[in-house]
Protein backbone atom coordinates (compact mmCIF):
# COMPACT_ATOMS: atom_id res chain seq x y z
CA MET A 1 -14.02 -13.82 -1.59
CA ILE A 2 -13.95 -11.94 1.73
CA PHE A 3 -10.15 -11.98 2.06
CA PRO A 4 -9.37 -9.43 -0.71
CA ILE A 5 -12.17 -7.18 0.55
CA ILE A 6 -10.68 -7.17 4.06
CA ILE A 7 -7.24 -6.40 2.61
CA ALA A 8 -8.65 -3.51 0.55
CA VAL A 9 -10.48 -2.05 3.56
CA VAL A 10 -7.34 -2.25 5.71
CA GLN A 11 -5.36 -0.56 2.94
CA LEU A 12 -7.92 2.26 2.65
CA VAL A 13 -7.95 2.75 6.43
CA SER A 14 -4.15 2.89 6.46
CA PHE A 15 -4.22 5.48 3.64
CA GLY A 16 -6.66 7.54 5.70
CA HIS A 17 -4.41 7.28 8.75
CA LEU A 18 -1.39 8.24 6.66
CA TYR A 19 -3.24 11.29 5.33
CA TYR A 20 -4.27 12.29 8.87
CA ILE A 21 -0.68 11.96 10.13
CA HIS A 22 0.54 14.00 7.16
CA LYS A 23 -1.92 16.84 7.80
CA HIS A 24 -1.96 16.92 11.61
CA GLY A 25 1.30 15.28 12.64
CA SER A 26 4.38 16.85 14.11
CA GLY A 27 6.55 18.78 11.69
CA GLN A 28 9.76 17.88 13.51
CA PHE A 29 9.79 14.20 12.64
CA PRO A 30 8.71 12.74 9.28
CA ALA A 31 6.31 10.19 10.73
CA ASP A 32 4.25 10.08 7.55
CA PHE A 33 7.29 9.06 5.48
CA ILE A 34 8.18 6.30 7.93
CA GLU A 35 4.59 5.05 7.91
CA LEU A 36 4.61 5.10 4.10
CA ASN A 37 7.70 2.87 4.18
CA ILE A 38 5.98 0.45 6.57
CA LEU A 39 2.84 0.49 4.41
CA ALA A 40 4.88 -0.25 1.29
CA ILE A 41 6.58 -3.21 3.00
CA CYS A 42 3.18 -4.57 4.03
CA ASN A 43 1.92 -4.08 0.49
CA ILE A 44 4.80 -6.17 -0.83
CA GLY A 45 3.32 -8.93 1.32
CA VAL A 46 -0.08 -8.25 -0.23
CA LEU A 47 1.43 -8.63 -3.69
CA ILE A 48 2.99 -11.94 -2.64
CA LEU A 49 -0.42 -13.13 -1.39
CA ALA A 50 -2.02 -11.95 -4.62
CA TYR A 51 0.53 -13.94 -6.57
CA PHE A 52 -0.60 -17.16 -4.88
CA PHE A 53 -4.33 -16.39 -4.59
CA TYR A 54 -4.93 -14.58 -7.90
CA PHE A 55 -2.25 -15.37 -10.46
CA LYS A 56 -1.72 -19.06 -9.60
CA VAL A 57 -5.38 -20.17 -9.45
CA ASP A 58 -7.53 -21.30 -12.34
CA VAL A 59 -10.62 -19.25 -11.43
CA LYS A 60 -9.54 -15.64 -10.95
CA LEU A 61 -11.61 -13.36 -8.74
CA SER A 62 -11.55 -9.83 -10.16
CA ILE A 63 -11.93 -8.38 -6.64
CA TRP A 64 -8.21 -9.13 -6.14
CA LEU A 65 -7.43 -6.33 -8.60
CA VAL A 66 -8.35 -3.67 -6.00
CA PRO A 67 -5.70 -4.67 -3.40
CA ILE A 68 -3.18 -5.28 -6.19
CA LEU A 69 -3.79 -1.80 -7.61
CA LEU A 70 -3.60 -0.13 -4.18
CA SER A 71 -0.36 -1.98 -3.45
CA ALA A 72 1.17 -0.96 -6.76
CA ILE A 73 0.18 2.68 -6.22
CA THR A 74 1.71 2.70 -2.73
CA ILE A 75 4.99 1.16 -3.87
CA ALA A 76 5.18 3.45 -6.92
CA LEU A 77 4.56 6.50 -4.72
CA LEU A 78 7.36 5.48 -2.38
CA ILE A 79 9.72 4.91 -5.31
CA VAL A 80 8.87 8.34 -6.73
CA LEU A 81 9.52 9.96 -3.34
CA TYR A 82 12.89 8.21 -3.07
CA ILE A 83 13.82 9.38 -6.59
CA ILE A 84 12.85 12.96 -5.70
CA MET A 85 14.92 12.75 -2.52
CA TRP A 86 17.85 11.30 -4.48
CA ILE A 87 17.70 14.11 -7.07
CA ASN A 88 17.64 16.81 -4.41
């Protein structure tokens, strides 16, 4: 029960850090984009954990939906940014 809550809190803190880097970081180097890539890779790991701890168990805890949703949003955002970069 506590494991998905910890994952969700870490994800929210990392989103806050990513927002801070985006607003106050150096304009010469895209540190926020690199951190978004790292965050998306970590969220793939969260989705793998969710597969084993949410989708494979008999009793599903609905609290797992929060980290799953945050992971999906992060990965979708990165895919959209790559598509925009590919178009331009």
